[in-house]
Amino acid sequence: MADKIITLQVEDDAGIAKLVQIGLRNYTELQLHHVTNGDAAIEWLEQYHPDLILLDINLPGADGWEVLDFAKDKYGAHGFKVIVTTARRDALSRATGEMHHVDSYLIKPYTVQQLQAVIEQVLNPTLDEDEQAYASVEYDEE
């Protein structure tokens, strides 16, 4: 793939954010942008169109569902992929994710390997494990 996969990481926990950034450093053609709260995510989304959003739900400012609603209003319901990464494991939260048509719902704590597998599945749903490509990640903190 010639173009980078523009990825927005919305995570307020600095430890989790850094772990994900380190874990994805050698992963596919991602260009990773990180914000720490829902309001900053909305500001970023006003200017940029992501291919993938790694979205926490419990955020300062606008919560993850509000961020997702904004992104869908701006770019369309199918204009990007979204992986929810949250500690919310209750049935209501999962149902909310289904109602928002998220591509995947990953419960914290998770391993970097689990996140990598979910990203590959979401971005390349027809690829076998042997066909999944790993390259480099570009990172810049917003």
N, C-alpha and C. Protein backbone atom coordinates (compact mmCIF):
# COMPACT_ATOMS: atom_id res chain seq x y z
N MET A 1 0.85 -1.17 0.00
CA MET A 1 0.00 0.00 0.00
C MET A 1 0.89 1.24 0.00
N ALA A 2 0.71 2.11 -0.94
CA ALA A 2 1.56 3.29 -1.10
C ALA A 2 1.23 4.36 -0.06
N ASP A 3 -0.02 4.60 0.20
CA ASP A 3 -0.43 5.64 1.13
C ASP A 3 -0.42 5.11 2.56
N LYS A 4 -0.15 6.01 3.49
CA LYS A 4 -0.21 5.67 4.91
C LYS A 4 -1.67 5.56 5.34
N ILE A 5 -1.93 4.70 6.30
CA ILE A 5 -3.26 4.57 6.89
C ILE A 5 -3.31 5.57 8.04
N ILE A 6 -4.06 6.64 7.84
CA ILE A 6 -4.14 7.70 8.84
C ILE A 6 -4.98 7.19 10.01
N THR A 7 -4.34 7.13 11.17
CA THR A 7 -4.95 6.53 12.35
C THR A 7 -4.98 7.52 13.49
N LEU A 8 -6.15 7.72 14.06
CA LEU A 8 -6.32 8.58 15.22
C LEU A 8 -6.47 7.71 16.46
N GLN A 9 -5.57 7.89 17.41
CA GLN A 9 -5.66 7.20 18.69
C GLN A 9 -6.22 8.19 19.70
N VAL A 10 -7.39 7.87 20.26
CA VAL A 10 -8.03 8.73 21.26
C VAL A 10 -7.97 7.97 22.58
N GLU A 11 -7.01 8.35 23.42
CA GLU A 11 -6.75 7.63 24.67
C GLU A 11 -6.24 8.62 25.72
N ASP A 12 -6.94 8.69 26.87
CA ASP A 12 -6.54 9.63 27.92
C ASP A 12 -5.53 9.05 28.89
N ASP A 13 -5.36 7.74 28.91
CA ASP A 13 -4.39 7.11 29.81
C ASP A 13 -3.02 7.10 29.12
N ALA A 14 -2.09 7.89 29.65
CA ALA A 14 -0.78 8.05 29.01
C ALA A 14 -0.03 6.73 28.90
N GLY A 15 -0.14 5.87 29.90
CA GLY A 15 0.54 4.58 29.86
C GLY A 15 0.03 3.69 28.75
N ILE A 16 -1.29 3.61 28.61
CA ILE A 16 -1.88 2.80 27.54
C ILE A 16 -1.52 3.39 26.18
N ALA A 17 -1.61 4.71 26.07
CA ALA A 17 -1.30 5.36 24.79
C ALA A 17 0.13 5.05 24.37
N LYS A 18 1.07 5.16 25.29
CA LYS A 18 2.48 4.91 24.96
C LYS A 18 2.71 3.44 24.61
N LEU A 19 2.09 2.54 25.35
CA LEU A 19 2.21 1.12 25.07
C LEU A 19 1.72 0.80 23.65
N VAL A 20 0.59 1.38 23.27
CA VAL A 20 0.05 1.17 21.92
C VAL A 20 1.01 1.75 20.88
N GLN A 21 1.52 2.94 21.13
CA GLN A 21 2.44 3.57 20.18
C GLN A 21 3.70 2.74 19.99
N ILE A 22 4.26 2.23 21.08
CA ILE A 22 5.45 1.37 20.99
C ILE A 22 5.10 0.07 20.28
N GLY A 23 3.96 -0.51 20.64
CA GLY A 23 3.56 -1.78 20.06
C GLY A 23 3.26 -1.70 18.57
N LEU A 24 2.83 -0.54 18.11
CA LEU A 24 2.50 -0.38 16.69
C LEU A 24 3.63 0.23 15.88
N ARG A 25 4.75 0.50 16.52
CA ARG A 25 5.88 1.14 15.84
C ARG A 25 6.31 0.37 14.59
N ASN A 26 6.32 -0.95 14.65
CA ASN A 26 6.76 -1.75 13.51
C ASN A 26 5.60 -2.38 12.76
N TYR A 27 4.44 -1.84 12.92
CA TYR A 27 3.22 -2.38 12.34
C TYR A 27 2.87 -1.67 11.04
N THR A 28 2.12 -2.32 10.20
CA THR A 28 1.71 -1.83 8.87
C THR A 28 1.99 -0.36 8.60
N GLU A 29 1.48 0.12 7.58
CA GLU A 29 1.73 1.48 7.09
C GLU A 29 0.88 2.51 7.83
N LEU A 30 0.92 2.49 9.15
CA LEU A 30 0.12 3.43 9.93
C LEU A 30 0.83 4.76 10.13
N GLN A 31 0.06 5.82 10.04
CA GLN A 31 0.51 7.15 10.46
C GLN A 31 -0.35 7.50 11.66
N LEU A 32 0.23 7.37 12.85
CA LEU A 32 -0.52 7.45 14.10
C LEU A 32 -0.50 8.85 14.69
N HIS A 33 -1.70 9.36 15.00
CA HIS A 33 -1.87 10.66 15.66
C HIS A 33 -2.58 10.38 16.98
N HIS A 34 -2.12 11.02 18.06
CA HIS A 34 -2.68 10.76 19.38
C HIS A 34 -3.27 12.03 19.99
N VAL A 35 -4.47 11.91 20.53
CA VAL A 35 -5.08 12.98 21.33
C VAL A 35 -5.54 12.36 22.64
N THR A 36 -5.67 13.21 23.67
CA THR A 36 -5.92 12.70 25.02
C THR A 36 -7.34 12.92 25.54
N ASN A 37 -8.19 13.56 24.75
CA ASN A 37 -9.56 13.76 25.23
C ASN A 37 -10.52 13.90 24.05
N GLY A 38 -11.81 13.84 24.35
CA GLY A 38 -12.82 13.87 23.30
C GLY A 38 -12.88 15.19 22.56
N ASP A 39 -12.71 16.29 23.27
CA ASP A 39 -12.76 17.60 22.60
C ASP A 39 -11.61 17.75 21.62
N ALA A 40 -10.41 17.30 22.00
CA ALA A 40 -9.25 17.36 21.10
C ALA A 40 -9.46 16.45 19.90
N ALA A 41 -10.12 15.32 20.10
CA ALA A 41 -10.42 14.41 18.99
C ALA A 41 -11.34 15.09 17.98
N ILE A 42 -12.36 15.77 18.47
CA ILE A 42 -13.28 16.47 17.58
C ILE A 42 -12.55 17.58 16.82
N GLU A 43 -11.69 18.31 17.52
CA GLU A 43 -10.91 19.35 16.84
C GLU A 43 -10.04 18.75 15.74
N TRP A 44 -9.39 17.61 16.03
CA TRP A 44 -8.55 16.94 15.03
C TRP A 44 -9.40 16.49 13.84
N LEU A 45 -10.56 15.92 14.15
CA LEU A 45 -11.45 15.41 13.10
C LEU A 45 -12.03 16.53 12.24
N GLU A 46 -12.09 17.73 12.75
CA GLU A 46 -12.56 18.86 11.95
C GLU A 46 -11.59 19.14 10.80
N GLN A 47 -10.31 18.80 10.98
CA GLN A 47 -9.29 19.10 9.99
C GLN A 47 -8.83 17.89 9.17
N TYR A 48 -8.91 16.69 9.75
CA TYR A 48 -8.34 15.51 9.10
C TYR A 48 -9.36 14.38 9.01
N HIS A 49 -9.23 13.58 7.96
CA HIS A 49 -10.10 12.43 7.73
C HIS A 49 -9.30 11.16 8.00
N PRO A 50 -9.58 10.47 9.10
CA PRO A 50 -8.83 9.26 9.41
C PRO A 50 -9.34 8.06 8.60
N ASP A 51 -8.46 7.09 8.42
CA ASP A 51 -8.86 5.81 7.87
C ASP A 51 -9.29 4.87 9.00
N LEU A 52 -8.70 5.09 10.18
CA LEU A 52 -8.94 4.22 11.34
C LEU A 52 -8.93 5.08 12.60
N ILE A 53 -9.86 4.80 13.51
CA ILE A 53 -9.88 5.45 14.82
C ILE A 53 -9.79 4.36 15.89
N LEU A 54 -8.80 4.50 16.78
CA LEU A 54 -8.69 3.67 17.98
C LEU A 54 -9.28 4.51 19.11
N LEU A 55 -10.47 4.15 19.56
CA LEU A 55 -11.29 5.07 20.35
C LEU A 55 -11.62 4.54 21.73
N ASP A 56 -11.10 5.22 22.75
CA ASP A 56 -11.52 4.98 24.12
C ASP A 56 -12.91 5.62 24.29
N ILE A 57 -13.69 5.13 25.22
CA ILE A 57 -15.03 5.67 25.44
C ILE A 57 -15.06 6.62 26.62
N ASN A 58 -14.42 6.24 27.74
CA ASN A 58 -14.40 7.08 28.94
C ASN A 58 -13.31 8.13 28.78
N LEU A 59 -13.69 9.31 28.33
CA LEU A 59 -12.74 10.38 28.04
C LEU A 59 -13.13 11.67 28.74
N PRO A 60 -12.14 12.51 29.06
CA PRO A 60 -12.48 13.87 29.51
C PRO A 60 -13.09 14.63 28.34
N GLY A 61 -13.96 15.57 28.64
CA GLY A 61 -14.63 16.31 27.57
C GLY A 61 -15.69 15.43 26.92
N ALA A 62 -15.81 15.54 25.62
CA ALA A 62 -16.77 14.69 24.89
C ALA A 62 -16.38 13.23 25.08
N ASP A 63 -17.37 12.37 25.30
CA ASP A 63 -17.02 10.95 25.44
C ASP A 63 -16.82 10.31 24.06
N GLY A 64 -16.38 9.08 24.06
CA GLY A 64 -16.07 8.41 22.80
C GLY A 64 -17.25 8.30 21.85
N TRP A 65 -18.45 8.09 22.39
CA TRP A 65 -19.63 8.00 21.52
C TRP A 65 -19.90 9.33 20.83
N GLU A 66 -19.70 10.43 21.54
CA GLU A 66 -19.88 11.76 20.93
C GLU A 66 -18.83 11.99 19.84
N VAL A 67 -17.61 11.56 20.09
CA VAL A 67 -16.55 11.67 19.08
C VAL A 67 -16.94 10.87 17.84
N LEU A 68 -17.42 9.66 18.06
CA LEU A 68 -17.81 8.80 16.94
C LEU A 68 -18.98 9.40 16.16
N ASP A 69 -19.96 9.94 16.86
CA ASP A 69 -21.09 10.59 16.19
C ASP A 69 -20.62 11.76 15.33
N PHE A 70 -19.69 12.56 15.86
CA PHE A 70 -19.16 13.68 15.10
C PHE A 70 -18.45 13.19 13.84
N ALA A 71 -17.61 12.18 13.99
CA ALA A 71 -16.86 11.65 12.84
C ALA A 71 -17.81 11.10 11.77
N LYS A 72 -18.85 10.41 12.20
CA LYS A 72 -19.80 9.85 11.23
C LYS A 72 -20.60 10.96 10.54
N ASP A 73 -20.96 11.99 11.28
CA ASP A 73 -21.65 13.13 10.67
C ASP A 73 -20.77 13.80 9.62
N LYS A 74 -19.49 13.91 9.91
CA LYS A 74 -18.57 14.61 9.02
C LYS A 74 -18.14 13.76 7.82
N TYR A 75 -17.85 12.47 8.04
CA TYR A 75 -17.25 11.63 7.00
C TYR A 75 -18.14 10.49 6.53
N GLY A 76 -19.33 10.39 7.08
CA GLY A 76 -20.24 9.32 6.69
C GLY A 76 -20.05 8.09 7.56
N ALA A 77 -21.08 7.29 7.62
CA ALA A 77 -21.08 6.12 8.50
C ALA A 77 -20.02 5.10 8.11
N HIS A 78 -19.63 5.08 6.84
CA HIS A 78 -18.65 4.10 6.38
C HIS A 78 -17.38 4.76 5.86
N GLY A 79 -17.11 6.00 6.31
CA GLY A 79 -15.97 6.75 5.81
C GLY A 79 -14.65 6.41 6.48
N PHE A 80 -14.67 5.50 7.46
CA PHE A 80 -13.48 5.13 8.22
C PHE A 80 -13.82 3.87 9.02
N LYS A 81 -12.80 3.25 9.58
CA LYS A 81 -12.98 2.09 10.46
C LYS A 81 -12.79 2.56 11.90
N VAL A 82 -13.45 1.91 12.84
CA VAL A 82 -13.30 2.27 14.25
C VAL A 82 -13.18 1.02 15.12
N ILE A 83 -12.17 1.07 15.99
CA ILE A 83 -11.97 0.03 16.99
C ILE A 83 -12.13 0.70 18.34
N VAL A 84 -13.16 0.31 19.08
CA VAL A 84 -13.36 0.83 20.43
C VAL A 84 -12.44 0.06 21.36
N THR A 85 -11.67 0.80 22.17
CA THR A 85 -10.80 0.21 23.19
C THR A 85 -11.25 0.77 24.53
N THR A 86 -11.87 -0.07 25.34
CA THR A 86 -12.51 0.43 26.55
C THR A 86 -12.50 -0.60 27.67
N ALA A 87 -12.64 -0.12 28.89
CA ALA A 87 -12.80 -0.99 30.05
C ALA A 87 -14.27 -1.38 30.24
N ARG A 88 -15.16 -0.75 29.50
CA ARG A 88 -16.60 -1.04 29.62
C ARG A 88 -16.91 -2.40 29.00
N ARG A 89 -17.21 -3.36 29.86
CA ARG A 89 -17.47 -4.70 29.38
C ARG A 89 -18.94 -5.12 29.55
N ASP A 90 -19.76 -4.22 30.05
CA ASP A 90 -21.16 -4.54 30.30
C ASP A 90 -21.96 -4.65 28.99
N ALA A 91 -23.08 -5.32 29.07
CA ALA A 91 -23.91 -5.59 27.89
C ALA A 91 -24.42 -4.30 27.25
N LEU A 92 -24.78 -3.32 28.05
CA LEU A 92 -25.29 -2.06 27.50
C LEU A 92 -24.22 -1.35 26.66
N SER A 93 -22.99 -1.33 27.14
CA SER A 93 -21.91 -0.69 26.38
C SER A 93 -21.64 -1.43 25.07
N ARG A 94 -21.65 -2.75 25.14
CA ARG A 94 -21.45 -3.52 23.91
C ARG A 94 -22.59 -3.28 22.92
N ALA A 95 -23.81 -3.21 23.44
CA ALA A 95 -24.96 -2.94 22.57
C ALA A 95 -24.85 -1.54 21.96
N THR A 96 -24.37 -0.58 22.74
CA THR A 96 -24.16 0.77 22.21
C THR A 96 -23.14 0.73 21.08
N GLY A 97 -22.09 -0.06 21.24
CA GLY A 97 -21.11 -0.23 20.18
C GLY A 97 -21.73 -0.82 18.92
N GLU A 98 -22.58 -1.80 19.09
CA GLU A 98 -23.26 -2.40 17.94
C GLU A 98 -24.18 -1.38 17.27
N MET A 99 -24.88 -0.58 18.06
CA MET A 99 -25.77 0.45 17.50
C MET A 99 -24.98 1.50 16.73
N HIS A 100 -23.74 1.75 17.15
CA HIS A 100 -22.88 2.71 16.46
C HIS A 100 -22.11 2.05 15.30
N HIS A 101 -22.33 0.76 15.09
CA HIS A 101 -21.69 0.02 14.00
C HIS A 101 -20.18 0.11 14.04
N VAL A 102 -19.60 -0.08 15.25
CA VAL A 102 -18.15 -0.10 15.34
C VAL A 102 -17.63 -1.37 14.67
N ASP A 103 -16.42 -1.32 14.17
CA ASP A 103 -15.84 -2.47 13.48
C ASP A 103 -15.32 -3.51 14.45
N SER A 104 -14.90 -3.08 15.64
CA SER A 104 -14.45 -4.01 16.66
C SER A 104 -14.56 -3.34 18.02
N TYR A 105 -14.72 -4.16 19.06
CA TYR A 105 -14.88 -3.68 20.43
C TYR A 105 -13.87 -4.46 21.27
N LEU A 106 -12.79 -3.81 21.68
CA LEU A 106 -11.69 -4.47 22.37
C LEU A 106 -11.70 -4.03 23.84
N ILE A 107 -11.81 -5.01 24.74
CA ILE A 107 -11.91 -4.74 26.17
C ILE A 107 -10.51 -4.62 26.78
N LYS A 108 -10.31 -3.55 27.58
CA LYS A 108 -9.08 -3.39 28.34
C LYS A 108 -9.15 -4.27 29.58
N PRO A 109 -8.04 -4.81 30.03
CA PRO A 109 -6.72 -4.70 29.43
C PRO A 109 -6.61 -5.67 28.25
N TYR A 110 -5.85 -5.27 27.26
CA TYR A 110 -5.59 -6.11 26.11
C TYR A 110 -4.09 -6.07 25.83
N THR A 111 -3.61 -7.05 25.07
CA THR A 111 -2.20 -7.07 24.72
C THR A 111 -2.00 -6.36 23.39
N VAL A 112 -0.77 -5.96 23.14
CA VAL A 112 -0.44 -5.34 21.86
C VAL A 112 -0.72 -6.33 20.73
N GLN A 113 -0.45 -7.60 20.97
CA GLN A 113 -0.71 -8.62 19.95
C GLN A 113 -2.20 -8.72 19.63
N GLN A 114 -3.04 -8.61 20.65
CA GLN A 114 -4.49 -8.62 20.40
C GLN A 114 -4.90 -7.41 19.58
N LEU A 115 -4.37 -6.25 19.92
CA LEU A 115 -4.69 -5.03 19.16
C LEU A 115 -4.21 -5.17 17.72
N GLN A 116 -3.01 -5.67 17.51
CA GLN A 116 -2.49 -5.85 16.16
C GLN A 116 -3.39 -6.77 15.35
N ALA A 117 -3.83 -7.87 15.97
CA ALA A 117 -4.70 -8.81 15.27
C ALA A 117 -6.03 -8.16 14.89
N VAL A 118 -6.59 -7.37 15.80
CA VAL A 118 -7.86 -6.70 15.53
C VAL A 118 -7.68 -5.67 14.41
N ILE A 119 -6.59 -4.92 14.45
CA ILE A 119 -6.35 -3.94 13.39
C ILE A 119 -6.25 -4.63 12.03
N GLU A 120 -5.49 -5.72 11.97
CA GLU A 120 -5.36 -6.46 10.70
C GLU A 120 -6.72 -6.96 10.22
N GLN A 121 -7.51 -7.49 11.14
CA GLN A 121 -8.83 -8.02 10.77
C GLN A 121 -9.73 -6.90 10.26
N VAL A 122 -9.69 -5.74 10.90
CA VAL A 122 -10.55 -4.63 10.51
C VAL A 122 -10.11 -4.03 9.17
N LEU A 123 -8.80 -3.88 8.99
CA LEU A 123 -8.31 -3.25 7.76
C LEU A 123 -8.25 -4.21 6.57
N ASN A 124 -8.05 -5.49 6.85
CA ASN A 124 -7.90 -6.50 5.79
C ASN A 124 -8.72 -7.74 6.13
N PRO A 125 -10.03 -7.64 6.12
CA PRO A 125 -10.85 -8.75 6.61
C PRO A 125 -10.73 -10.04 5.80
N THR A 126 -10.19 -9.98 4.59
CA THR A 126 -10.09 -11.20 3.79
C THR A 126 -8.70 -11.82 3.82
N LEU A 127 -7.73 -11.19 4.50
CA LEU A 127 -6.37 -11.71 4.52
C LEU A 127 -6.21 -12.85 5.52
N ASP A 128 -5.41 -13.85 5.15
CA ASP A 128 -5.00 -14.89 6.08
C ASP A 128 -3.88 -14.34 6.94
N GLU A 129 -3.60 -15.00 8.07
CA GLU A 129 -2.53 -14.53 8.95
C GLU A 129 -1.21 -14.41 8.21
N ASP A 130 -0.88 -15.37 7.34
CA ASP A 130 0.39 -15.36 6.63
C ASP A 130 0.50 -14.20 5.66
N GLU A 131 -0.64 -13.65 5.22
CA GLU A 131 -0.64 -12.57 4.25
C GLU A 131 -0.60 -11.18 4.90
N GLN A 132 -0.77 -11.13 6.21
CA GLN A 132 -0.84 -9.85 6.89
C GLN A 132 0.53 -9.19 6.90
N ALA A 133 0.58 -7.95 6.44
CA ALA A 133 1.85 -7.23 6.29
C ALA A 133 2.18 -6.41 7.52
N TYR A 134 3.45 -6.35 7.83
CA TYR A 134 3.95 -5.51 8.91
C TYR A 134 5.04 -4.62 8.35
N ALA A 135 4.94 -3.33 8.60
CA ALA A 135 5.95 -2.39 8.12
C ALA A 135 6.23 -1.39 9.23
N SER A 136 6.22 -0.13 8.92
CA SER A 136 6.58 0.86 9.94
C SER A 136 5.41 1.76 10.28
N VAL A 137 5.50 2.39 11.43
CA VAL A 137 4.49 3.33 11.89
C VAL A 137 5.14 4.70 12.03
N GLU A 138 4.45 5.72 11.60
CA GLU A 138 4.90 7.09 11.85
C GLU A 138 4.07 7.61 12.99
N TYR A 139 4.67 8.32 13.92
CA TYR A 139 3.96 8.81 15.09
C TYR A 139 4.19 10.31 15.25
N ASP A 140 3.11 10.99 15.51
CA ASP A 140 3.22 12.38 15.94
C ASP A 140 2.11 12.67 16.90
N GLU A 141 2.44 13.32 18.00
CA GLU A 141 1.46 13.61 19.04
C GLU A 141 0.86 14.98 18.80
N GLU A 142 -0.47 15.03 18.79
CA GLU A 142 -1.20 16.28 18.57
C GLU A 142 -1.66 16.82 19.91
